[in-house]
Amino acid sequence: MAILLRTDTDAVARLTLNAPGSLNALSDAMLAALAGEFARLEGDRSIRAVVIAGAGKAFCAGHDLKEMTRGRAADDGGAAYFADLFTRCGAVMQAIGRLPQPVIAEVHGVAAAAGCQLVASCDMSVAAPGTRFGVNGVNIGLFCSTPMVALSRNIPRKQAFEMLVTGDFIDAGRAAELGLVNRVAAEGALSEETMALAAKVAAKLGSAVRIGKRAFYEQAQMPLDAAYAYTGEVMVENMLNRDTEEGIAAFIEKRAPEWQQ
């Protein structure tokens, strides 16, 4: 059975982490599978939204600690392996932001350590009631420094630091309050609500969403004046799109747009 499953429904690609025996740990194989699928999605204009879910009782428990322990057997104590592992993991997380499609995490059970990082790296997330989120590596003596990068860009600094330094978990409601989660689904309706959100996104003009997602992340790294200058240029690019012209005309004429992209 494949470690990562892909199912396409109309313009939505659903990726399912499929290693329930390890709570969908981000093993070497899982990271490679995600990297490969993201590379394929990057050039797939038929897909306009992506959902990442987990099989079994948890979304993702983080890195595979057994695999990491085996990495210590090298002559250097695992230094080269660990450096490569965290570089590969970081590349996978950053690839989510570079995808032209919005990516939604569908989270249930537990999202821990690098699993919480995966949620924080997605553009949006929907959680089941009772889901627990944590960057709990400190409990075993490993501070979650790489998960910290994504987490601290999602929630307020003091709350992120508290999670990192205590290893305590937060529930889905608290995750929504802090901004790690967009919404908590009704009981038993996680996939239904996540796919409905993905379908809503996929129904928008694909070229506009691609332009907008890229600009969203680019402007966030800029000073205010540079951000306005840059996004002004992006708006010009968007306005010159034939399908945008059609969308505006359709709105004025009170009809559905006939988009080509």
C-alpha atoms as a PDB file:
ATOM      1  CA  MET A   1       0.000   0.000   0.000  1.00  0.00           C
ATOM      2  CA  ALA A   2       1.337   3.444  -0.925  1.00  0.00           C
ATOM      3  CA  ILE A   3       2.520   5.593   1.978  1.00  0.00           C
ATOM      4  CA  LEU A   4       0.793   8.628   0.433  1.00  0.00           C
ATOM      5  CA  LEU A   5      -2.545   8.370  -1.358  1.00  0.00           C
ATOM      6  CA  ARG A   6      -3.889  10.879  -3.863  1.00  0.00           C
ATOM      7  CA  THR A   7      -7.527  11.152  -4.870  1.00  0.00           C
ATOM      8  CA  ASP A   8      -8.714  13.889  -7.219  1.00  0.00           C
ATOM      9  CA  THR A   9     -12.313  15.101  -7.010  1.00  0.00           C
ATOM     10  CA  ASP A  10     -13.053  17.648  -9.703  1.00  0.00           C
ATOM     11  CA  ALA A  11     -10.392  20.352  -9.122  1.00  0.00           C
ATOM     12  CA  VAL A  12      -9.440  19.234  -5.589  1.00  0.00           C
ATOM     13  CA  ALA A  13      -6.508  16.892  -4.912  1.00  0.00           C
ATOM     14  CA  ARG A  14      -6.750  15.007  -1.639  1.00  0.00           C
ATOM     15  CA  LEU A  15      -3.460  13.684  -0.239  1.00  0.00           C
ATOM     16  CA  THR A  16      -3.739  11.171   2.594  1.00  0.00           C
ATOM     17  CA  LEU A  17      -0.771  10.319   4.793  1.00  0.00           C
ATOM     18  CA  ASN A  18      -1.113   6.545   4.840  1.00  0.00           C
ATOM     19  CA  ALA A  19       1.090   5.135   7.583  1.00  0.00           C
ATOM     20  CA  PRO A  20      -1.398   4.716  10.441  1.00  0.00           C
ATOM     21  CA  GLY A  21       0.844   2.231  12.262  1.00  0.00           C
ATOM     22  CA  SER A  22       3.353   5.026  12.928  1.00  0.00           C
ATOM     23  CA  LEU A  23       0.639   7.685  13.347  1.00  0.00           C
ATOM     24  CA  ASN A  24       1.618   8.954   9.892  1.00  0.00           C
ATOM     25  CA  ALA A  25       5.106   9.928  11.024  1.00  0.00           C
ATOM     26  CA  LEU A  26       7.164  12.058   8.666  1.00  0.00           C
ATOM     27  CA  SER A  27       9.615   9.297   7.862  1.00  0.00           C
ATOM     28  CA  ASP A  28      12.172   9.529   5.076  1.00  0.00           C
ATOM     29  CA  ALA A  29       9.694   7.736   2.806  1.00  0.00           C
ATOM     30  CA  MET A  30       6.815  10.034   3.747  1.00  0.00           C
ATOM     31  CA  LEU A  31       8.876  13.178   3.169  1.00  0.00           C
ATOM     32  CA  ALA A  32       9.998  11.847  -0.224  1.00  0.00           C
ATOM     33  CA  ALA A  33       6.420  11.010  -1.179  1.00  0.00           C
ATOM     34  CA  LEU A  34       5.181  14.473  -0.194  1.00  0.00           C
ATOM     35  CA  ALA A  35       8.033  16.175  -2.051  1.00  0.00           C
ATOM     36  CA  GLY A  36       7.257  14.194  -5.186  1.00  0.00           C
ATOM     37  CA  GLU A  37       3.540  14.890  -5.054  1.00  0.00           C
ATOM     38  CA  PHE A  38       4.078  18.601  -4.441  1.00  0.00           C
ATOM     39  CA  ALA A  39       6.382  18.741  -7.468  1.00  0.00           C
ATOM     40  CA  ARG A  40       3.650  17.183  -9.598  1.00  0.00           C
ATOM     41  CA  LEU A  41       0.968  19.491  -8.239  1.00  0.00           C
ATOM     42  CA  GLU A  42       3.031  22.612  -8.868  1.00  0.00           C
ATOM     43  CA  GLY A  43       2.556  22.267 -12.623  1.00  0.00           C
ATOM     44  CA  ASP A  44      -0.966  20.805 -12.560  1.00  0.00           C
ATOM     45  CA  ARG A  45      -3.359  23.549 -13.644  1.00  0.00           C
ATOM     46  CA  SER A  46      -6.336  21.174 -13.433  1.00  0.00           C
ATOM     47  CA  ILE A  47      -6.020  21.159  -9.623  1.00  0.00           C
ATOM     48  CA  ARG A  48      -7.090  24.349  -7.824  1.00  0.00           C
ATOM     49  CA  ALA A  49      -7.035  23.250  -4.179  1.00  0.00           C
ATOM     50  CA  VAL A  50      -5.215  20.598  -2.154  1.00  0.00           C
ATOM     51  CA  VAL A  51      -6.267  18.825   1.046  1.00  0.00           C
ATOM     52  CA  ILE A  52      -3.783  16.980   3.279  1.00  0.00           C
ATOM     53  CA  ALA A  53      -5.342  14.419   5.621  1.00  0.00           C
ATOM     54  CA  GLY A  54      -4.152  11.461   7.693  1.00  0.00           C
ATOM     55  CA  ALA A  55      -5.287   7.845   7.786  1.00  0.00           C
ATOM     56  CA  GLY A  56      -6.057   6.095  11.056  1.00  0.00           C
ATOM     57  CA  LYS A  57      -6.441   7.661  14.473  1.00  0.00           C
ATOM     58  CA  ALA A  58      -4.079  10.646  14.074  1.00  0.00           C
ATOM     59  CA  PHE A  59      -3.156  13.275  11.525  1.00  0.00           C
ATOM     60  CA  CYS A  60       0.617  13.141  12.100  1.00  0.00           C
ATOM     61  CA  ALA A  61       2.756  12.454  15.160  1.00  0.00           C
ATOM     62  CA  GLY A  62       5.858  14.187  13.790  1.00  0.00           C
ATOM     63  CA  HIS A  63       9.198  12.692  12.807  1.00  0.00           C
ATOM     64  CA  ASP A  64       9.800   8.942  13.001  1.00  0.00           C
ATOM     65  CA  LEU A  65      11.823   8.655  16.229  1.00  0.00           C
ATOM     66  CA  LYS A  66      12.768   5.024  15.592  1.00  0.00           C
ATOM     67  CA  GLU A  67      14.195   5.971  12.218  1.00  0.00           C
ATOM     68  CA  MET A  68      16.015   8.923  13.770  1.00  0.00           C
ATOM     69  CA  THR A  69      17.507   6.622  16.422  1.00  0.00           C
ATOM     70  CA  ARG A  70      18.893   4.341  13.711  1.00  0.00           C
ATOM     71  CA  GLY A  71      20.510   7.403  12.150  1.00  0.00           C
ATOM     72  CA  ARG A  72      22.710   7.724  15.229  1.00  0.00           C
ATOM     73  CA  ALA A  73      24.585   4.575  14.249  1.00  0.00           C
ATOM     74  CA  ALA A  74      26.782   6.474  11.777  1.00  0.00           C
ATOM     75  CA  ASP A  75      30.401   7.258  12.656  1.00  0.00           C
ATOM     76  CA  ASP A  76      29.520  10.919  13.213  1.00  0.00           C
ATOM     77  CA  GLY A  77      26.742  10.037  15.643  1.00  0.00           C
ATOM     78  CA  GLY A  78      24.133  10.906  13.048  1.00  0.00           C
ATOM     79  CA  ALA A  79      25.118  14.535  12.479  1.00  0.00           C
ATOM     80  CA  ALA A  80      25.046  14.290   8.673  1.00  0.00           C
ATOM     81  CA  TYR A  81      21.816  12.298   8.670  1.00  0.00           C
ATOM     82  CA  PHE A  82      20.056  14.709  11.018  1.00  0.00           C
ATOM     83  CA  ALA A  83      21.224  17.749   9.040  1.00  0.00           C
ATOM     84  CA  ASP A  84      19.909  16.182   5.852  1.00  0.00           C
ATOM     85  CA  LEU A  85      16.635  15.133   7.501  1.00  0.00           C
ATOM     86  CA  PHE A  86      15.793  18.591   8.817  1.00  0.00           C
ATOM     87  CA  THR A  87      16.825  20.182   5.503  1.00  0.00           C
ATOM     88  CA  ARG A  88      14.528  17.833   3.588  1.00  0.00           C
ATOM     89  CA  CYS A  89      11.680  18.404   6.027  1.00  0.00           C
ATOM     90  CA  GLY A  90      12.098  22.167   5.800  1.00  0.00           C
ATOM     91  CA  ALA A  91      12.044  21.961   1.998  1.00  0.00           C
ATOM     92  CA  VAL A  92       8.762  20.026   2.081  1.00  0.00           C
ATOM     93  CA  MET A  93       7.169  22.579   4.407  1.00  0.00           C
ATOM     94  CA  GLN A  94       8.318  25.485   2.233  1.00  0.00           C
ATOM     95  CA  ALA A  95       7.050  23.733  -0.899  1.00  0.00           C
ATOM     96  CA  ILE A  96       3.508  24.065   0.456  1.00  0.00           C
ATOM     97  CA  GLY A  97       3.767  27.844   0.371  1.00  0.00           C
ATOM     98  CA  ARG A  98       5.187  27.744  -3.162  1.00  0.00           C
ATOM     99  CA  LEU A  99       2.366  25.609  -4.531  1.00  0.00           C
ATOM    100  CA  PRO A 100       0.042  27.721  -6.682  1.00  0.00           C
ATOM    101  CA  GLN A 101      -2.963  26.004  -5.105  1.00  0.00           C
ATOM    102  CA  PRO A 102      -4.225  26.776  -1.594  1.00  0.00           C
ATOM    103  CA  VAL A 103      -3.458  23.834   0.713  1.00  0.00           C
ATOM    104  CA  ILE A 104      -5.834  22.847   3.531  1.00  0.00           C
ATOM    105  CA  ALA A 105      -4.869  20.544   6.400  1.00  0.00           C
ATOM    106  CA  GLU A 106      -7.685  18.238   7.518  1.00  0.00           C
ATOM    107  CA  VAL A 107      -6.642  17.445  11.091  1.00  0.00           C
ATOM    108  CA  HIS A 108      -7.882  14.861  13.556  1.00  0.00           C
ATOM    109  CA  GLY A 109      -6.566  13.034  16.591  1.00  0.00           C
ATOM    110  CA  VAL A 110      -3.104  14.448  17.133  1.00  0.00           C
ATOM    111  CA  ALA A 111      -0.805  16.846  15.280  1.00  0.00           C
ATOM    112  CA  ALA A 112       2.456  16.745  17.210  1.00  0.00           C
ATOM    113  CA  ALA A 113       5.930  18.231  16.674  1.00  0.00           C
ATOM    114  CA  ALA A 114       6.616  18.123  12.915  1.00  0.00           C
ATOM    115  CA  GLY A 115       2.968  17.130  12.465  1.00  0.00           C
ATOM    116  CA  CYS A 116       1.958  20.423  14.065  1.00  0.00           C
ATOM    117  CA  GLN A 117       4.547  22.075  11.806  1.00  0.00           C
ATOM    118  CA  LEU A 118       2.792  20.549   8.811  1.00  0.00           C
ATOM    119  CA  VAL A 119      -0.536  22.040   9.913  1.00  0.00           C
ATOM    120  CA  ALA A 120       1.073  25.439  10.480  1.00  0.00           C
ATOM    121  CA  SER A 121       2.735  25.289   7.059  1.00  0.00           C
ATOM    122  CA  CYS A 122      -0.573  24.778   5.242  1.00  0.00           C
ATOM    123  CA  ASP A 123      -2.511  27.812   4.026  1.00  0.00           C
ATOM    124  CA  MET A 124      -5.617  26.824   5.988  1.00  0.00           C
ATOM    125  CA  SER A 125      -6.673  24.071   8.363  1.00  0.00           C
ATOM    126  CA  VAL A 126      -9.868  22.449   9.583  1.00  0.00           C
ATOM    127  CA  ALA A 127      -9.842  20.348  12.746  1.00  0.00           C
ATOM    128  CA  ALA A 128     -12.100  17.724  14.210  1.00  0.00           C
ATOM    129  CA  PRO A 129     -13.415  18.296  17.750  1.00  0.00           C
ATOM    130  CA  GLY A 130     -10.997  16.834  20.268  1.00  0.00           C
ATOM    131  CA  THR A 131      -7.905  17.215  18.075  1.00  0.00           C
ATOM    132  CA  ARG A 132      -4.745  17.966  20.066  1.00  0.00           C
ATOM    133  CA  PHE A 133      -1.877  20.130  18.824  1.00  0.00           C
ATOM    134  CA  GLY A 134       1.577  20.244  20.362  1.00  0.00           C
ATOM    135  CA  VAL A 135       5.249  20.937  19.776  1.00  0.00           C
ATOM    136  CA  ASN A 136       6.200  18.539  22.515  1.00  0.00           C
ATOM    137  CA  GLY A 137       9.753  17.563  21.631  1.00  0.00           C
ATOM    138  CA  VAL A 138      11.016  19.316  24.753  1.00  0.00           C
ATOM    139  CA  ASN A 139       9.431  16.514  26.771  1.00  0.00           C
ATOM    140  CA  ILE A 140      12.058  14.108  25.417  1.00  0.00           C
ATOM    141  CA  GLY A 141      14.872  16.657  25.410  1.00  0.00           C
ATOM    142  CA  LEU A 142      14.529  17.805  21.785  1.00  0.00           C
ATOM    143  CA  PHE A 143      13.331  21.396  21.438  1.00  0.00           C
ATOM    144  CA  CYS A 144      11.066  21.723  18.384  1.00  0.00           C
ATOM    145  CA  SER A 145      13.202  24.383  16.700  1.00  0.00           C
ATOM    146  CA  THR A 146      12.180  23.707  13.096  1.00  0.00           C
ATOM    147  CA  PRO A 147       8.451  23.331  13.908  1.00  0.00           C
ATOM    148  CA  MET A 148       8.845  26.630  15.774  1.00  0.00           C
ATOM    149  CA  VAL A 149       9.427  28.453  12.473  1.00  0.00           C
ATOM    150  CA  ALA A 150       5.966  27.682  11.117  1.00  0.00           C
ATOM    151  CA  LEU A 151       4.184  27.783  14.479  1.00  0.00           C
ATOM    152  CA  SER A 152       5.533  31.221  15.410  1.00  0.00           C
ATOM    153  CA  ARG A 153       4.282  32.542  12.074  1.00  0.00           C
ATOM    154  CA  ASN A 154       0.760  31.305  12.837  1.00  0.00           C
ATOM    155  CA  ILE A 155       0.069  32.196  16.449  1.00  0.00           C
ATOM    156  CA  PRO A 156       1.151  34.969  18.869  1.00  0.00           C
ATOM    157  CA  ARG A 157       4.753  34.820  20.070  1.00  0.00           C
ATOM    158  CA  LYS A 158       4.145  34.264  23.772  1.00  0.00           C
ATOM    159  CA  GLN A 159       1.637  31.467  23.186  1.00  0.00           C
ATOM    160  CA  ALA A 160       3.998  29.789  20.710  1.00  0.00           C
ATOM    161  CA  PHE A 161       6.864  29.976  23.184  1.00  0.00           C
ATOM    162  CA  GLU A 162       4.723  28.533  25.964  1.00  0.00           C
ATOM    163  CA  MET A 163       3.802  25.549  23.792  1.00  0.00           C
ATOM    164  CA  LEU A 164       7.444  25.032  22.809  1.00  0.00           C
ATOM    165  CA  VAL A 165       8.961  25.321  26.265  1.00  0.00           C
ATOM    166  CA  THR A 166       6.309  23.364  28.201  1.00  0.00           C
ATOM    167  CA  GLY A 167       5.483  20.690  25.634  1.00  0.00           C
ATOM    168  CA  ASP A 168       1.826  21.104  26.564  1.00  0.00           C
ATOM    169  CA  PHE A 169      -0.880  20.351  24.000  1.00  0.00           C
ATOM    170  CA  ILE A 170      -3.777  22.618  23.102  1.00  0.00           C
ATOM    171  CA  ASP A 171      -7.179  21.463  21.917  1.00  0.00           C
ATOM    172  CA  ALA A 172      -8.920  22.318  18.658  1.00  0.00           C
ATOM    173  CA  GLY A 173     -10.925  25.159  20.169  1.00  0.00           C
ATOM    174  CA  ARG A 174      -7.834  26.853  21.570  1.00  0.00           C
ATOM    175  CA  ALA A 175      -6.007  26.279  18.277  1.00  0.00           C
ATOM    176  CA  ALA A 176      -8.823  28.108  16.503  1.00  0.00           C
ATOM    177  CA  GLU A 177      -8.686  30.978  19.013  1.00  0.00           C
ATOM    178  CA  LEU A 178      -4.946  31.384  18.427  1.00  0.00           C
ATOM    179  CA  GLY A 179      -5.156  31.164  14.643  1.00  0.00           C
ATOM    180  CA  LEU A 180      -3.549  27.773  14.035  1.00  0.00           C
ATOM    181  CA  VAL A 181      -6.902  26.430  12.840  1.00  0.00           C
ATOM    182  CA  ASN A 182      -9.460  28.205  10.642  1.00  0.00           C
ATOM    183  CA  ARG A 183     -12.415  26.305  11.981  1.00  0.00           C
ATOM    184  CA  VAL A 184     -13.440  23.322  14.068  1.00  0.00           C
ATOM    185  CA  ALA A 185     -15.754  21.011  12.167  1.00  0.00           C
ATOM    186  CA  ALA A 186     -18.996  19.698  13.559  1.00  0.00           C
ATOM    187  CA  GLU A 187     -18.749  16.255  15.151  1.00  0.00           C
ATOM    188  CA  GLY A 188     -18.452  13.616  12.428  1.00  0.00           C
ATOM    189  CA  ALA A 189     -18.269  16.174   9.610  1.00  0.00           C
ATOM    190  CA  LEU A 190     -14.519  16.825   9.296  1.00  0.00           C
ATOM    191  CA  SER A 191     -13.985  15.573   5.752  1.00  0.00           C
ATOM    192  CA  GLU A 192     -17.289  17.009   4.574  1.00  0.00           C
ATOM    193  CA  GLU A 193     -16.479  20.499   5.861  1.00  0.00           C
ATOM    194  CA  THR A 194     -12.875  20.409   4.652  1.00  0.00           C
ATOM    195  CA  MET A 195     -13.837  19.307   1.169  1.00  0.00           C
ATOM    196  CA  ALA A 196     -16.592  21.941   1.047  1.00  0.00           C
ATOM    197  CA  LEU A 197     -14.005  24.620   1.842  1.00  0.00           C
ATOM    198  CA  ALA A 198     -11.660  23.196  -0.791  1.00  0.00           C
ATOM    199  CA  ALA A 199     -14.456  23.128  -3.378  1.00  0.00           C
ATOM    200  CA  LYS A 200     -15.317  26.752  -2.623  1.00  0.00           C
ATOM    201  CA  VAL A 201     -11.690  27.762  -3.192  1.00  0.00           C
ATOM    202  CA  ALA A 202     -11.441  25.616  -6.325  1.00  0.00           C
ATOM    203  CA  ALA A 203     -14.481  27.362  -7.815  1.00  0.00           C
ATOM    204  CA  LYS A 204     -12.686  30.720  -7.914  1.00  0.00           C
ATOM    205  CA  LEU A 205     -10.678  31.932 -10.897  1.00  0.00           C
ATOM    206  CA  GLY A 206      -7.549  29.804 -10.764  1.00  0.00           C
ATOM    207  CA  SER A 207      -5.203  32.405 -12.201  1.00  0.00           C
ATOM    208  CA  ALA A 208      -6.359  35.018  -9.669  1.00  0.00           C
ATOM    209  CA  VAL A 209      -5.857  32.639  -6.741  1.00  0.00           C
ATOM    210  CA  ARG A 210      -2.399  31.662  -7.990  1.00  0.00           C
ATOM    211  CA  ILE A 211      -1.392  35.335  -8.272  1.00  0.00           C
ATOM    212  CA  GLY A 212      -2.928  36.110  -4.885  1.00  0.00           C
ATOM    213  CA  LYS A 213      -1.305  33.241  -2.986  1.00  0.00           C
ATOM    214  CA  ARG A 214       2.129  34.154  -4.276  1.00  0.00           C
ATOM    215  CA  ALA A 215       1.593  37.799  -3.355  1.00  0.00           C
ATOM    216  CA  PHE A 216       0.233  36.918   0.091  1.00  0.00           C
ATOM    217  CA  TYR A 217       3.484  35.303   1.155  1.00  0.00           C
ATOM    218  CA  GLU A 218       5.780  37.713  -0.663  1.00  0.00           C
ATOM    219  CA  GLN A 219       4.264  40.863   0.855  1.00  0.00           C
ATOM    220  CA  ALA A 220       4.326  39.388   4.362  1.00  0.00           C
ATOM    221  CA  GLN A 221       8.123  39.556   4.298  1.00  0.00           C
ATOM    222  CA  MET A 222       8.282  43.205   3.195  1.00  0.00           C
ATOM    223  CA  PRO A 223       8.172  46.587   4.943  1.00  0.00           C
ATOM    224  CA  LEU A 224       4.787  48.315   4.624  1.00  0.00           C
ATOM    225  CA  ASP A 225       5.732  50.701   1.820  1.00  0.00           C
ATOM    226  CA  ALA A 226       7.406  47.971  -0.224  1.00  0.00           C
ATOM    227  CA  ALA A 227       4.426  45.682   0.328  1.00  0.00           C
ATOM    228  CA  TYR A 228       2.013  48.274  -1.057  1.00  0.00           C
ATOM    229  CA  ALA A 229       4.263  48.962  -4.040  1.00  0.00           C
ATOM    230  CA  TYR A 230       4.595  45.262  -4.789  1.00  0.00           C
ATOM    231  CA  THR A 231       0.913  44.404  -4.372  1.00  0.00           C
ATOM    232  CA  GLY A 232      -0.024  47.391  -6.544  1.00  0.00           C
ATOM    233  CA  GLU A 233       1.975  45.761  -9.327  1.00  0.00           C
ATOM    234  CA  VAL A 234       0.263  42.459  -8.616  1.00  0.00           C
ATOM    235  CA  MET A 235      -3.163  44.122  -8.881  1.00  0.00           C
ATOM    236  CA  VAL A 236      -2.185  45.526 -12.275  1.00  0.00           C
ATOM    237  CA  GLU A 237      -1.127  42.049 -13.425  1.00  0.00           C
ATOM    238  CA  ASN A 238      -4.437  40.637 -12.190  1.00  0.00           C
ATOM    239  CA  MET A 239      -6.535  43.420 -13.777  1.00  0.00           C
ATOM    240  CA  LEU A 240      -4.948  42.780 -17.178  1.00  0.00           C
ATOM    241  CA  ASN A 241      -6.098  39.153 -17.074  1.00  0.00           C
ATOM    242  CA  ARG A 242      -8.807  38.482 -19.672  1.00  0.00           C
ATOM    243  CA  ASP A 243     -10.769  36.344 -17.205  1.00  0.00           C
ATOM    244  CA  THR A 244     -10.703  39.124 -14.615  1.00  0.00           C
ATOM    245  CA  GLU A 245     -12.195  41.474 -17.184  1.00  0.00           C
ATOM    246  CA  GLU A 246     -14.871  38.857 -17.810  1.00  0.00           C
ATOM    247  CA  GLY A 247     -15.506  38.458 -14.076  1.00  0.00           C
ATOM    248  CA  ILE A 248     -16.059  42.179 -13.618  1.00  0.00           C
ATOM    249  CA  ALA A 249     -18.335  42.346 -16.653  1.00  0.00           C
ATOM    250  CA  ALA A 250     -20.341  39.377 -15.396  1.00  0.00           C
ATOM    251  CA  PHE A 251     -20.772  41.015 -11.984  1.00  0.00           C
ATOM    252  CA  ILE A 252     -22.012  44.251 -13.554  1.00  0.00           C
ATOM    253  CA  GLU A 253     -24.332  42.363 -15.881  1.00  0.00           C
ATOM    254  CA  LYS A 254     -25.574  40.106 -13.056  1.00  0.00           C
ATOM    255  CA  ARG A 255     -24.632  36.815 -14.726  1.00  0.00           C
ATOM    256  CA  ALA A 256     -22.229  33.957 -14.108  1.00  0.00           C
ATOM    257  CA  PRO A 257     -18.719  34.549 -15.510  1.00  0.00           C
ATOM    258  CA  GLU A 258     -17.458  32.458 -18.403  1.00  0.00           C
ATOM    259  CA  TRP A 259     -13.874  31.897 -17.339  1.00  0.00           C
ATOM    260  CA  GLN A 260     -11.300  30.137 -19.481  1.00  0.00           C
ATOM    261  CA  GLN A 261      -8.666  29.459 -16.776  1.00  0.00           C
END
